[in-house]
Amino acid sequence: HPSHVTFSAIKTPAWFVSTDFIECSFKHSVFATAVEIHESFLPGAVCRILATCSGDKKSGWITLWTREEKTSSSFPVYNVFRQEFLQTSTAVDVVRFEFDFSSSEYYSQYDGVKLEGERFTESDHHIQPELTMLCQQLSNLQMSSVFGIAEDTSGCLEEQSITVLPNEILIKILNFLDTDDLCRICRVNKLFNRLSKDPALYATVNLQPYYNLLVDDSLSTLSPKFTALQSLDLSWVGANGQVSTDSLCFLLRNVPSITVLRLTACKMVASSVLETLAIYCPALEVLDISYCHNGLELCVSWLTALKKLRYLNIAHTLITASELLLLLDKLHRLEWFMAGSPSLIANQNSVIERFIEKNTQLKGAEFWYWDKVNFSSICQFLYLQGSTLLELDLGWCTGIGVRDILPVIAASCSSLLILLLTAHHETTDVGLKDLAQGCPALQQLDLLGSRHITASGVEGLLAACTSLIYLDISYCLKIGVDDVEILQALFPRVQIKHVETLEQQSFDFIFR
């Protein structure tokens, strides 16, 4: 979902549109020739397919298919998405599907994946290492093209019109280029080759689009350029062991000025990485280690040394309650706390109570799937913290959803901009009326799965909250397609998302 949190601008090439991914592992390796994915709900989001061999870290990722034109479906239709291609030169047993959900009506659902190809046998072992080495050489060549790891092109001529400009001016011009263009320009001539290595151009770097190319040597090569680095996105990097924990630690030991670091879904993140951050990155303000789930518990207490930390995202990571409580005691500047799906935190109410005791002035809180938190704890939290909250996610908090939480939110969260109440079945029209009066600045609201709200209640909310631009009322039993069409016509400024339950779809089919 869109977030109110704003980070330093991180340059992303236009061709990289992926917003999420899934990986599927297979028992046997094959020289692949085709792949299928069964899209059982809202097809059309697949934008790229890659493959690799799980047992060979040097094999790298092979791009099997890339979408050329964007396709989407505005209604749920079962579809078998199949792509055929030339047989891969190396055997693969892991397939990664990347998705672009930026304009989807809702998240898609997938029921199965099929990988076709010629079975890898023992007789293929003698050629596999040679092919792997060739693929690695090609990958290194591609890396050189992407990241500007090139020798000086001394034979190239320099235009007089360029050389007369001061280096400072040229660097400011180059700073407008994204990573791809910046790395291409290093091959123009000696001047641009030298300027393209200036650390001032690497204050903000996004390496996520190149996660399938990055290896240990990549980070060691890039490290000298990052002496002035402030914002770095390494999300998705390290899949299949291509980047090690030691290499990441080496890089972090050489970026003392970094303030923003995103490590979403990086499998090489371990407690030693957090220790390195604590020692070498004292200026860090924003840290995202969400989905860093590699089967190991993370010792987040190391982060207590980061006194400037104001944003922390630890969603879907293995963290114990004791570690988290110790961390919260020390982070006095924390403003954004994102911790969805805390699988190892049994006593979730103790964490909420710690926030109540500290009276931290939070601006954002994500408690997605905190299913053991009770209604009274959240009420106390909101009464003490609500005045400063801009973003609140209580989706799938089933212990809270037994009553309508909207009146409490309306009475305590007057500055709220984003509110996510996914699967809160007991929200009512009365609660919507309270919300409209108490949270007039609301911009985004998720009421997915409510059993009681009606189109009339939603209309009153939209009329009162003139800043609201995003509303999700999918699976609301008392709101149908015709209701949504009327609401959309009355309030064209609002993007209304609505997906019917199977029961509603069957009812509409019968009576239309």
Foldseek 3Di string as FASTA:
>chain_A
DDDPDDDPDFFDDPQDQFDDKDKDFAPFWFQFFKKKWKWQFWDQFFAWKWWAALVDLLQFIDTFDGDDDGDTDQGTDIDIDMDGDPGHPAITGMMMTTGRCPPYLDDIDIDDMDTDHHTDDPVCVVCRVVNSVVSNVVLVVVLCLQQQVDDAPAVADDDPVPVVDDLVVVLVVLLVDGRNVLNNQLHRHRVSVVSSLALVSAQHHECCVVQRSDALVSLVVCLVSPQNHAEYENEPHQPSNRYALVSLLVSLQRRQNYAYYEHHLHQRDAQVSLLSCLPRHLNHAYYAHANNANPDEHQNLSVLSNQNHAAYAHAPYAYAPVSVLSSVVRRQNHAEYHYEDHPRYPPVLVVLVSCLVSLRQHQYYAHHQPQPHAQVSVLSSQQSHQCRYAYYHPENNNRNLVEACLLSSLVRHQNYAYYEHHQSQHHELVSLLSNLNRHLQYAEYEPEQHAHYALVSVLNSCVSNVNHAEYEHEQHNHYDPVSVVVSCVVPVSHDYRYHYDPVRVVVVVVPD
